[in-house]
Amino acid sequence: MALPDIQQFTQQPGGIGGMFNALQKEALENQYSGIKNQYAPMTLQADAASKTAYSKLVGPQYIAKLMGHPDIVANSPDLQDPATTQRLYAAGMGQGTGNALTQMPGGGSPQPNANQNPLSLSRWLVDKFKGMVGGDQQQGGPQPMPQGSGNPFAMNFSGQGVNPQLNRVMAGIGNVESGGSKNPYALIGKDTGNGDRAIGKYQVMASNIPSWTKEAFGQSMTPEQFTASPEAQEKLAGFMMNKHLNAGNSPQDVGSIWFTGKPLAQAGNVHDVNGTTPTQYVNKMNQGMSQYDQPQTQPTYAENAGRYAGIKAEGEALGKDRAADIKDLNTGAFNSETSQATLDSISNILSSPEFEQIRQVPLAGHRELAYYSKEGTPAQQNMVGQYYTLTGNLIKDASRDFAGQFRKGEQQLLQGMKPGPDDTVDAARGKLETLSYLNKLLGQRSKLTPQYMSQYHINKGEAMDMADKQINGPQLRQQIHDKLNPTITIKNPQTGEVVTVPIEEARKGGFKHG
């Protein structure tokens, strides 16, 4: 009798094979459970971390998608604020705290401590989301947020609250300080004479920014950080003006305090670098408050989108112009450095034996280089010719390389360094020295200007003014002028009067040495 095939048993539900498979499955499941239990602490932790990381980025991803739509950005000032980009970057790098859209804190959240990130995206999103779903944000202008609002730049109003006149005052002072500006938050004022400058929409002095932001926000900001944050500018101005209003000052007195540090009655008739007096300042502030009081028709969604598109196109064109300016400035700085080799060659010529012979042993009393270019020895004629050629080319190149960069009087100084028919060896050496000075002045200024353009977000002209003051341009130009126009003592042949005048003036008048 043949034995039955084992497969006949394994294929039957209750056969031996089925029992074997069940036992094998149970053994594998037990083995799997053991491995799972062994690694459970790590896998659970990794799973939780993954879910937490995802939840933290739900809000940032939503905001980032909104920022990809120009029309939406055009109708949301918050999305236009560069600080929003900083918060998105911080969140993406793991610096955010919590999921802003699901972990909504209740009212009266505590003031952030000093260790919290002031640009925390979660805290900012909480504030914005609460406003979208019916928060207590007011209409009509930038609102300083009281303590505990969740605002990144939360401020302590010392329990006094927001003064009802605050928005009007901010509108009036903003009208004086930056009214009509296309980008008021990037404004940099003139140097007040001690290196200090007013910054931003409300023209806060750079020297006040660290202490004022410390008082308002609990931590200091640098002038560069303050310039880059429209939100900080609005909140700081609101904090300081609110403080002055709550101290019992009228809106006009707050404007005068902002301008002079004193109420209007005590300000006197001082004026700023632009010649503005306290009375003129307050009058313009009143105009701004009157405009604020007028009913405002809000632009439509499409109008905002159109205006934003125009601003963006204008910014792109401005960016191209700035890039061209920076390229020209860098070219000038580079050529200034390379021209040093030509200056060295001219210096070698002027110190050569041929030139020293002209200086020490003049032919027939002639010391003018022009005379030796024709009547001197072949070597002298050659050296004088080289001097004329190299100096002329250097001046021509400087006129080309620094076109559009000259300050007042510099082109005249440059032209005054050209070789003249009456130049002696000593005069030529003096012109070479001044040419070297001017070359360094132009080169250093061209090197600093693009740095200031990028650092302070200002245009080429403003940056050049800053760079010129940094290198003591006015003093250097005066020294060059004095070197090119030395004074001599002369006697008037008719009156016998002895005076000291520039040598060029003496030559024109036919005067003789006294």
Protein backbone atom coordinates (compact mmCIF):
# COMPACT_ATOMS: atom_id res chain seq x y z
CA MET A 1 0.00 0.00 0.00
CA ALA A 2 1.46 3.29 -1.04
CA LEU A 3 2.00 6.01 1.63
CA PRO A 4 -0.06 9.22 1.15
CA ASP A 5 1.70 12.37 -0.16
CA ILE A 6 2.60 14.83 2.61
CA GLN A 7 1.07 17.64 0.50
CA GLN A 8 -2.33 16.01 0.92
CA PHE A 9 -2.08 16.69 4.63
CA THR A 10 -0.66 20.23 4.33
CA GLN A 11 -3.43 21.23 1.94
CA GLN A 12 -6.14 20.18 4.36
CA PRO A 13 -7.30 22.80 6.92
CA GLY A 14 -6.85 20.52 9.87
CA GLY A 15 -3.94 18.53 8.58
CA ILE A 16 -0.46 18.21 10.02
CA GLY A 17 0.93 20.78 7.55
CA GLY A 18 -1.58 23.38 8.68
CA MET A 19 -0.55 22.86 12.28
CA PHE A 20 3.09 23.16 11.29
CA ASN A 21 2.46 26.45 9.44
CA ALA A 22 0.52 27.86 12.37
CA LEU A 23 3.33 27.03 14.75
CA GLN A 24 5.88 28.56 12.42
CA LYS A 25 3.79 31.73 12.04
CA GLU A 26 3.41 32.03 15.79
CA ALA A 27 7.14 31.64 16.24
CA LEU A 28 7.86 34.38 13.70
CA GLU A 29 5.32 36.69 15.31
CA ASN A 30 6.90 36.12 18.70
CA GLN A 31 10.32 36.83 17.23
CA TYR A 32 8.99 40.03 15.59
CA SER A 33 7.38 41.17 18.85
CA GLY A 34 10.63 40.62 20.67
CA ILE A 35 12.59 42.71 18.19
CA LYS A 36 9.88 45.38 18.25
CA ASN A 37 9.95 45.55 22.04
CA GLN A 38 13.73 45.68 22.00
CA TYR A 39 13.83 48.74 19.72
CA ALA A 40 10.54 50.33 20.84
CA PRO A 41 12.14 53.20 22.82
CA MET A 42 14.07 54.34 19.77
CA THR A 43 11.35 53.84 17.18
CA LEU A 44 8.70 55.53 19.28
CA GLN A 45 10.98 58.46 19.94
CA ALA A 46 11.85 58.81 16.25
CA ASP A 47 8.19 58.60 15.26
CA ALA A 48 7.24 61.24 17.81
CA ALA A 49 10.07 63.51 16.69
CA SER A 50 9.02 63.13 13.07
CA LYS A 51 5.42 64.02 13.83
CA THR A 52 6.47 66.92 16.03
CA ALA A 53 8.77 68.30 13.34
CA TYR A 54 6.00 68.04 10.78
CA SER A 55 3.49 69.78 13.05
CA LYS A 56 5.93 72.64 13.64
CA LEU A 57 6.21 73.28 9.93
CA VAL A 58 2.49 73.26 9.11
CA GLY A 59 2.23 77.00 9.76
CA PRO A 60 5.48 77.96 7.99
CA GLN A 61 4.53 75.87 4.95
CA TYR A 62 1.18 77.64 4.76
CA ILE A 63 2.80 81.09 4.99
CA ALA A 64 5.48 80.12 2.45
CA LYS A 65 2.81 79.08 -0.04
CA LEU A 66 1.02 82.39 0.44
CA MET A 67 4.27 84.25 -0.22
CA GLY A 68 4.49 82.51 -3.58
CA HIS A 69 1.41 84.40 -4.81
CA PRO A 70 2.25 88.06 -5.64
CA ASP A 71 -1.38 89.22 -5.52
CA ILE A 72 -1.80 87.83 -2.00
CA VAL A 73 1.48 89.38 -0.89
CA ALA A 74 0.34 92.72 -2.36
CA ASN A 75 -2.68 92.69 -0.05
CA SER A 76 -0.83 91.60 3.09
CA PRO A 77 1.70 94.04 4.59
CA ASP A 78 2.80 91.30 7.00
CA LEU A 79 3.91 89.08 4.12
CA GLN A 80 5.83 92.03 2.62
CA ASP A 81 7.78 92.52 5.86
CA PRO A 82 11.35 91.14 5.47
CA ALA A 83 11.07 89.88 9.05
CA THR A 84 8.55 87.29 7.81
CA THR A 85 11.24 85.71 5.66
CA GLN A 86 13.57 85.66 8.67
CA ARG A 87 10.95 83.80 10.69
CA LEU A 88 10.36 81.25 7.92
CA TYR A 89 14.09 80.62 7.71
CA ALA A 90 14.36 80.27 11.48
CA ALA A 91 11.46 77.78 11.51
CA GLY A 92 13.00 75.74 8.70
CA MET A 93 16.28 75.59 10.63
CA GLY A 94 14.51 74.23 13.69
CA GLN A 95 14.34 77.45 15.68
CA GLY A 96 10.54 77.64 15.81
CA THR A 97 8.72 76.61 18.97
CA GLY A 98 5.48 74.64 18.67
CA ASN A 99 2.73 74.41 16.08
CA ALA A 100 1.26 77.88 15.78
CA LEU A 101 -1.99 76.79 14.17
CA THR A 102 -2.92 74.02 16.62
CA GLN A 103 -1.40 75.16 19.90
CA MET A 104 -3.25 78.45 20.22
CA PRO A 105 -2.58 79.93 23.66
CA GLY A 106 -5.41 81.55 25.55
CA GLY A 107 -5.58 85.18 26.48
CA GLY A 108 -3.08 86.63 28.87
CA SER A 109 -0.15 84.53 27.77
CA PRO A 110 2.95 85.43 29.77
CA GLN A 111 5.56 87.85 28.53
CA PRO A 112 8.31 85.95 26.63
CA ASN A 113 11.43 85.57 28.69
CA ALA A 114 14.83 86.82 27.60
CA ASN A 115 15.85 83.39 26.33
CA GLN A 116 13.05 83.16 23.76
CA ASN A 117 13.72 83.95 20.13
CA PRO A 118 12.21 87.41 19.32
CA LEU A 119 11.62 86.20 15.74
CA SER A 120 9.82 83.01 16.79
CA LEU A 121 7.51 82.14 13.91
CA SER A 122 5.05 80.31 16.15
CA ARG A 123 4.43 83.33 18.38
CA TRP A 124 4.02 85.57 15.32
CA LEU A 125 1.61 83.17 13.61
CA VAL A 126 -0.49 82.91 16.76
CA ASP A 127 -0.99 86.66 16.75
CA LYS A 128 -1.77 86.83 13.03
CA PHE A 129 -4.10 83.82 13.08
CA LYS A 130 -6.06 85.16 16.04
CA GLY A 131 -6.47 88.43 14.17
CA MET A 132 -7.80 86.64 11.06
CA VAL A 133 -10.43 84.73 13.07
CA GLY A 134 -11.73 87.77 14.91
CA GLY A 135 -9.03 89.06 17.22
CA ASP A 136 -9.08 92.49 18.80
CA GLN A 137 -6.77 94.23 16.33
CA GLN A 138 -7.88 97.80 15.68
CA GLN A 139 -8.28 99.58 12.37
CA GLY A 140 -6.67 102.73 11.09
CA GLY A 141 -2.94 102.30 11.47
CA PRO A 142 -0.09 100.37 13.03
CA GLN A 143 -1.05 99.19 16.49
CA PRO A 144 1.55 98.76 19.23
CA MET A 145 0.74 95.46 20.88
CA PRO A 146 0.40 95.39 24.68
CA GLN A 147 2.33 92.97 26.80
CA GLY A 148 1.33 89.34 26.44
CA SER A 149 -0.19 89.67 22.96
CA GLY A 150 2.08 87.07 21.38
CA ASN A 151 3.70 89.76 19.23
CA PRO A 152 7.41 89.15 18.49
CA PHE A 153 8.19 92.69 19.60
CA ALA A 154 6.02 92.62 22.72
CA MET A 155 6.22 95.77 24.80
CA ASN A 156 5.51 96.77 28.37
CA PHE A 157 3.12 99.73 28.56
CA SER A 158 3.40 99.81 32.36
CA GLY A 159 -0.33 99.16 32.73
CA GLN A 160 -1.31 102.46 31.08
CA GLY A 161 -2.62 100.98 27.85
CA VAL A 162 -2.56 102.43 24.36
CA ASN A 163 -3.33 106.15 24.26
CA PRO A 164 -6.30 106.96 21.97
CA GLN A 165 -4.23 109.69 20.26
CA LEU A 166 -1.37 107.35 19.39
CA ASN A 167 -2.31 106.47 15.81
CA ARG A 168 -2.86 110.14 14.92
CA VAL A 169 0.52 111.11 16.38
CA MET A 170 2.31 108.29 14.57
CA ALA A 171 0.66 109.32 11.30
CA GLY A 172 1.63 112.98 11.84
CA ILE A 173 5.24 112.31 12.77
CA GLY A 174 5.57 109.75 9.99
CA ASN A 175 4.35 112.41 7.57
CA VAL A 176 7.13 114.76 8.68
CA GLU A 177 9.93 112.24 8.80
CA SER A 178 9.27 110.15 5.70
CA GLY A 179 6.10 111.34 3.97
CA GLY A 180 6.21 110.72 0.23
CA SER A 181 9.05 108.21 0.42
CA LYS A 182 8.59 105.04 -1.63
CA ASN A 183 10.44 102.97 0.96
CA PRO A 184 10.32 104.91 4.24
CA TYR A 185 11.69 102.07 6.34
CA ALA A 186 15.00 102.14 4.44
CA LEU A 187 15.60 105.89 4.86
CA ILE A 188 18.98 106.95 6.23
CA GLY A 189 19.27 110.59 7.29
CA LYS A 190 22.16 113.00 6.91
CA ASP A 191 25.14 112.86 9.22
CA THR A 192 24.38 115.20 12.12
CA GLY A 193 28.05 116.09 12.40
CA ASN A 194 29.17 113.51 14.93
CA GLY A 195 28.62 110.37 12.85
CA ASP A 196 25.04 109.90 14.06
CA ARG A 197 22.21 109.40 11.56
CA ALA A 198 18.42 109.13 11.70
CA ILE A 199 17.06 105.78 10.56
CA GLY A 200 13.79 104.51 9.13
CA LYS A 201 10.23 105.72 8.75
CA TYR A 202 10.24 107.72 11.98
CA GLN A 203 13.92 108.73 11.71
CA VAL A 204 15.08 107.35 15.05
CA MET A 205 18.67 108.39 15.77
CA ALA A 206 21.03 105.43 15.45
CA SER A 207 22.61 106.26 18.82
CA ASN A 208 19.21 105.82 20.54
CA ILE A 209 18.30 102.48 18.97
CA PRO A 210 20.13 100.09 21.36
CA SER A 211 18.76 101.70 24.56
CA TRP A 212 15.26 102.39 23.21
CA THR A 213 14.78 98.86 21.88
CA LYS A 214 16.08 97.47 25.17
CA GLU A 215 13.43 99.50 27.00
CA ALA A 216 10.64 98.62 24.58
CA PHE A 217 11.37 94.99 23.67
CA GLY A 218 13.49 93.79 26.55
CA GLN A 219 16.58 93.35 24.39
CA SER A 220 18.70 95.65 22.25
CA MET A 221 18.79 95.83 18.47
CA THR A 222 21.60 97.20 16.33
CA PRO A 223 20.90 100.01 13.84
CA GLU A 224 21.32 97.48 11.02
CA GLN A 225 18.74 95.10 12.54
CA PHE A 226 16.38 98.00 13.15
CA THR A 227 16.68 99.25 9.56
CA ALA A 228 15.83 95.79 8.23
CA SER A 229 12.64 95.42 10.31
CA PRO A 230 9.63 97.63 9.48
CA GLU A 231 7.75 95.89 12.27
CA ALA A 232 10.32 96.87 14.86
CA GLN A 233 10.28 100.46 13.58
CA GLU A 234 6.50 100.69 13.95
CA LYS A 235 6.43 99.10 17.38
CA LEU A 236 9.32 101.13 18.78
CA ALA A 237 7.87 104.42 17.53
CA GLY A 238 4.50 103.45 19.01
CA PHE A 239 6.04 102.55 22.34
CA MET A 240 8.00 105.79 22.72
CA MET A 241 5.22 108.08 21.49
CA ASN A 242 2.66 106.29 23.67
CA LYS A 243 4.90 106.88 26.68
CA HIS A 244 5.11 110.61 25.98
CA LEU A 245 1.32 110.85 25.44
CA ASN A 246 0.56 109.01 28.66
CA ALA A 247 2.89 111.39 30.48
CA GLY A 248 0.33 114.14 29.79
CA ASN A 249 1.86 115.71 26.68
CA SER A 250 -0.32 116.98 23.84
CA PRO A 251 0.15 115.48 20.37
CA GLN A 252 2.02 118.66 19.33
CA ASP A 253 4.30 118.44 22.36
CA VAL A 254 5.03 114.79 21.54
CA GLY A 255 6.03 115.89 18.03
CA SER A 256 8.33 118.55 19.47
CA ILE A 257 9.83 116.05 21.93
CA TRP A 258 10.44 113.64 19.06
CA PHE A 259 12.19 116.45 17.16
CA THR A 260 14.05 118.34 19.92
CA GLY A 261 13.67 116.35 23.13
CA LYS A 262 11.54 119.14 24.66
CA PRO A 263 7.85 120.20 24.59
CA LEU A 264 7.02 122.91 22.06
CA ALA A 265 6.99 125.77 24.57
CA GLN A 266 10.50 124.86 25.74
CA ALA A 267 12.04 123.94 22.38
CA GLY A 268 13.07 127.45 21.35
CA ASN A 269 14.06 128.31 17.80
CA VAL A 270 16.61 125.57 17.16
CA HIS A 271 16.83 123.85 13.79
CA ASP A 272 18.12 120.57 12.41
CA VAL A 273 20.63 119.92 9.61
CA ASN A 274 17.86 120.65 7.09
CA GLY A 275 16.99 124.00 8.68
CA THR A 276 13.62 122.84 10.08
CA THR A 277 12.44 124.59 13.29
CA PRO A 278 10.16 123.04 15.96
CA THR A 279 7.21 125.17 14.83
CA GLN A 280 7.65 124.12 11.20
CA TYR A 281 7.94 120.50 12.30
CA VAL A 282 4.72 120.60 14.33
CA ASN A 283 2.84 122.40 11.53
CA LYS A 284 3.72 119.62 9.09
CA MET A 285 2.84 117.06 11.75
CA ASN A 286 -0.61 118.66 12.10
CA GLN A 287 -1.10 118.28 8.35
CA GLY A 288 -0.32 114.58 8.62
CA MET A 289 -2.78 114.15 11.50
CA SER A 290 -5.47 115.99 9.52
CA GLN A 291 -4.94 113.62 6.60
CA TYR A 292 -5.21 110.68 8.98
CA ASP A 293 -8.52 112.02 10.34
CA GLN A 294 -10.06 112.08 6.86
CA PRO A 295 -12.13 109.02 5.91
CA GLN A 296 -9.88 106.69 3.95
CA THR A 297 -11.12 104.64 1.02
CA GLN A 298 -9.37 101.30 1.14
CA PRO A 299 -7.88 100.22 -2.20
CA THR A 300 -9.35 97.14 -3.79
CA TYR A 301 -7.60 93.79 -3.98
CA ALA A 302 -6.82 94.41 -7.66
CA GLU A 303 -5.50 97.93 -6.98
CA ASN A 304 -3.13 96.60 -4.34
CA ALA A 305 -1.99 93.85 -6.68
CA GLY A 306 -1.35 96.33 -9.50
CA ARG A 307 0.57 98.72 -7.30
CA TYR A 308 2.67 95.88 -5.89
CA ALA A 309 3.49 94.65 -9.40
CA GLY A 310 4.64 98.16 -10.32
CA ILE A 311 6.78 98.43 -7.19
CA LYS A 312 8.31 95.04 -7.91
CA ALA A 313 9.13 96.01 -11.50
CA GLU A 314 10.59 99.29 -10.31
CA GLY A 315 12.67 97.43 -7.73
CA GLU A 316 14.03 95.10 -10.39
CA ALA A 317 15.04 98.07 -12.53
CA LEU A 318 16.59 99.77 -9.52
CA GLY A 319 18.46 96.57 -8.73
CA LYS A 320 19.97 96.56 -12.21
CA ASP A 321 21.00 100.20 -11.84
CA ARG A 322 22.57 99.48 -8.45
CA ALA A 323 24.42 96.51 -9.90
CA ALA A 324 25.79 98.73 -12.68
CA ASP A 325 26.82 101.37 -10.13
CA ILE A 326 28.59 98.80 -7.98
CA LYS A 327 30.36 97.38 -11.03
CA ASP A 328 31.60 100.86 -12.03
CA LEU A 329 32.73 101.56 -8.48
CA ASN A 330 34.62 98.28 -8.25
CA THR A 331 36.23 98.96 -11.64
CA GLY A 332 37.37 102.38 -10.44
CA ALA A 333 38.80 100.90 -7.24
CA PHE A 334 40.67 98.22 -9.22
CA ASN A 335 42.07 100.71 -11.73
CA SER A 336 43.18 102.94 -8.90
CA GLU A 337 45.29 100.11 -7.53
CA THR A 338 46.75 99.16 -10.91
CA SER A 339 47.61 102.78 -11.72
CA GLN A 340 50.09 102.74 -8.86
CA ALA A 341 52.59 101.11 -11.22
CA THR A 342 52.32 104.11 -13.56
CA LEU A 343 52.79 106.49 -10.63
CA ASP A 344 55.92 104.59 -9.64
CA SER A 345 57.28 104.92 -13.19
CA ILE A 346 56.68 108.69 -13.16
CA SER A 347 58.39 108.90 -9.77
CA ASN A 348 61.44 107.08 -11.17
CA ILE A 349 61.60 109.52 -14.08
CA LEU A 350 61.43 112.57 -11.83
CA SER A 351 64.19 111.22 -9.61
CA SER A 352 66.44 110.24 -12.55
CA PRO A 353 69.90 111.81 -13.06
CA GLU A 354 68.62 113.60 -16.17
CA PHE A 355 65.94 115.44 -14.20
CA GLU A 356 68.26 116.14 -11.31
CA GLN A 357 70.74 117.72 -13.75
CA ILE A 358 67.97 119.98 -15.06
CA ARG A 359 67.19 120.97 -11.48
CA GLN A 360 70.78 121.53 -10.37
CA VAL A 361 72.44 122.86 -13.58
CA PRO A 362 69.81 124.67 -15.69
CA LEU A 363 70.79 125.56 -19.25
CA ALA A 364 70.81 129.30 -19.88
CA GLY A 365 68.84 129.79 -16.67
CA HIS A 366 65.93 127.67 -17.90
CA ARG A 367 64.30 125.37 -15.38
CA GLU A 368 61.11 124.74 -17.37
CA LEU A 369 60.69 121.15 -18.51
CA ALA A 370 59.13 122.35 -21.76
CA TYR A 371 62.46 123.96 -22.70
CA TYR A 372 64.33 120.68 -22.22
CA SER A 373 61.79 118.74 -24.24
CA LYS A 374 63.25 120.55 -27.26
CA GLU A 375 66.64 121.95 -26.25
CA GLY A 376 67.92 119.38 -23.77
CA THR A 377 70.16 116.41 -24.37
CA PRO A 378 68.61 113.41 -26.15
CA ALA A 379 68.31 111.64 -22.80
CA GLN A 380 66.64 114.69 -21.24
CA GLN A 381 64.24 115.06 -24.15
CA ASN A 382 63.32 111.38 -23.90
CA MET A 383 62.72 111.50 -20.14
CA VAL A 384 60.64 114.68 -20.34
CA GLY A 385 58.60 113.13 -23.15
CA GLN A 386 57.95 110.03 -21.07
CA TYR A 387 56.89 112.19 -18.14
CA TYR A 388 54.42 114.13 -20.27
CA THR A 389 52.96 110.97 -21.84
CA LEU A 390 52.57 108.92 -18.67
CA THR A 391 51.14 111.78 -16.63
CA GLY A 392 48.71 112.78 -19.37
CA ASN A 393 47.50 109.20 -19.81
CA LEU A 394 47.07 108.73 -16.08
CA ILE A 395 44.94 111.87 -15.79
CA LYS A 396 42.88 110.89 -18.85
CA ASP A 397 42.29 107.39 -17.46
CA ALA A 398 41.25 108.77 -14.06
CA SER A 399 38.77 111.11 -15.75
CA ARG A 400 37.25 108.11 -17.51
CA ASP A 401 37.37 105.57 -14.66
CA PHE A 402 35.83 107.85 -12.05
CA ALA A 403 33.27 109.59 -14.28
CA GLY A 404 30.14 110.20 -12.23
CA GLN A 405 32.01 109.68 -8.98
CA PHE A 406 33.82 113.01 -8.59
CA ARG A 407 32.88 115.26 -5.69
CA LYS A 408 32.77 119.02 -6.13
CA GLY A 409 36.14 120.43 -7.16
CA GLU A 410 37.91 117.13 -7.77
CA GLN A 411 37.86 117.31 -11.56
CA GLN A 412 39.38 120.79 -11.39
CA LEU A 413 42.09 119.44 -9.11
CA LEU A 414 42.77 116.60 -11.54
CA GLN A 415 43.07 118.97 -14.48
CA GLY A 416 45.43 121.14 -12.45
CA MET A 417 47.85 118.23 -12.29
CA LYS A 418 48.45 118.23 -16.04
CA PRO A 419 52.01 119.17 -17.06
CA GLY A 420 52.25 122.89 -17.81
CA PRO A 421 54.71 124.87 -19.96
CA ASP A 422 56.21 126.55 -16.88
CA ASP A 423 56.58 123.40 -14.77
CA THR A 424 59.96 122.88 -13.16
CA VAL A 425 61.28 119.61 -11.78
CA ASP A 426 60.10 120.61 -8.32
CA ALA A 427 56.66 121.55 -9.67
CA ALA A 428 56.41 118.22 -11.49
CA ARG A 429 57.30 116.36 -8.31
CA GLY A 430 54.65 118.30 -6.42
CA LYS A 431 52.03 117.44 -9.02
CA LEU A 432 53.01 113.79 -8.87
CA GLU A 433 52.55 113.81 -5.09
CA THR A 434 49.11 115.36 -5.35
CA LEU A 435 48.14 112.99 -8.17
CA SER A 436 49.07 110.09 -5.92
CA TYR A 437 46.96 111.53 -3.08
CA LEU A 438 43.95 112.01 -5.32
CA ASN A 439 44.29 108.55 -6.82
CA LYS A 440 44.22 107.01 -3.34
CA LEU A 441 41.26 109.17 -2.32
CA LEU A 442 39.24 108.13 -5.37
CA GLY A 443 40.20 104.48 -5.01
CA GLN A 444 39.40 104.20 -1.31
CA ARG A 445 36.07 105.95 -1.74
CA SER A 446 35.15 103.67 -4.65
CA LYS A 447 35.96 100.66 -2.50
CA LEU A 448 33.89 101.81 0.50
CA THR A 449 30.86 103.07 -1.43
CA PRO A 450 29.44 99.68 -2.58
CA GLN A 451 29.96 98.34 0.95
CA TYR A 452 27.82 101.14 2.39
CA MET A 453 25.21 100.70 -0.36
CA SER A 454 24.73 97.08 0.69
CA GLN A 455 25.07 97.60 4.43
CA TYR A 456 22.71 100.56 4.81
CA HIS A 457 20.45 99.99 1.75
CA ILE A 458 21.12 103.48 0.40
CA ASN A 459 21.77 104.80 -3.07
CA LYS A 460 25.12 105.51 -4.67
CA GLY A 461 25.17 109.24 -3.91
CA GLU A 462 24.36 108.78 -0.22
CA ALA A 463 26.90 105.98 0.12
CA MET A 464 29.59 108.10 -1.58
CA ASP A 465 28.93 110.93 0.86
CA MET A 466 29.36 108.54 3.77
CA ALA A 467 32.55 107.08 2.28
CA ASP A 468 33.95 110.54 1.55
CA LYS A 469 33.52 111.58 5.16
CA GLN A 470 35.00 108.31 6.35
CA ILE A 471 38.27 109.01 4.48
CA ASN A 472 38.29 112.74 5.38
CA GLY A 473 37.69 113.73 1.77
CA PRO A 474 37.24 117.50 2.41
CA GLN A 475 40.53 117.70 4.30
CA LEU A 476 42.41 115.72 1.64
CA ARG A 477 41.03 117.89 -1.15
CA GLN A 478 42.12 121.01 0.69
CA GLN A 479 45.62 119.60 1.15
CA ILE A 480 45.81 118.74 -2.56
CA HIS A 481 44.61 122.20 -3.50
CA ASP A 482 47.18 123.86 -1.25
CA LYS A 483 49.93 121.64 -2.66
CA LEU A 484 48.98 122.55 -6.24
CA ASN A 485 48.66 126.23 -5.39
CA PRO A 486 51.51 127.12 -3.02
CA THR A 487 51.65 130.66 -1.71
CA ILE A 488 54.59 133.05 -2.09
CA THR A 489 55.37 136.46 -0.74
CA ILE A 490 55.36 139.11 -3.48
CA LYS A 491 55.79 142.86 -3.70
CA ASN A 492 53.46 145.04 -5.71
CA PRO A 493 55.79 146.96 -8.08
CA GLN A 494 53.54 149.99 -8.06
CA THR A 495 52.63 150.36 -4.40
CA GLY A 496 55.45 148.43 -2.78
CA GLU A 497 52.89 146.43 -0.79
CA VAL A 498 54.12 143.00 0.29
CA VAL A 499 51.45 140.29 0.29
CA THR A 500 51.23 136.49 0.34
CA VAL A 501 49.25 135.07 -2.59
CA PRO A 502 49.00 131.77 -4.52
CA ILE A 503 51.86 131.43 -6.98
CA GLU A 504 49.50 131.24 -9.98
CA GLU A 505 47.98 134.57 -9.02
CA ALA A 506 51.45 136.07 -8.70
CA ARG A 507 52.39 134.84 -12.17
CA LYS A 508 49.27 136.26 -13.74
CA GLY A 509 49.93 139.64 -12.12
CA GLY A 510 53.57 139.75 -13.16
CA PHE A 511 54.69 140.21 -9.57
CA LYS A 512 58.17 139.49 -8.29
CA HIS A 513 59.34 137.86 -5.09
CA GLY A 514 59.50 140.19 -2.14
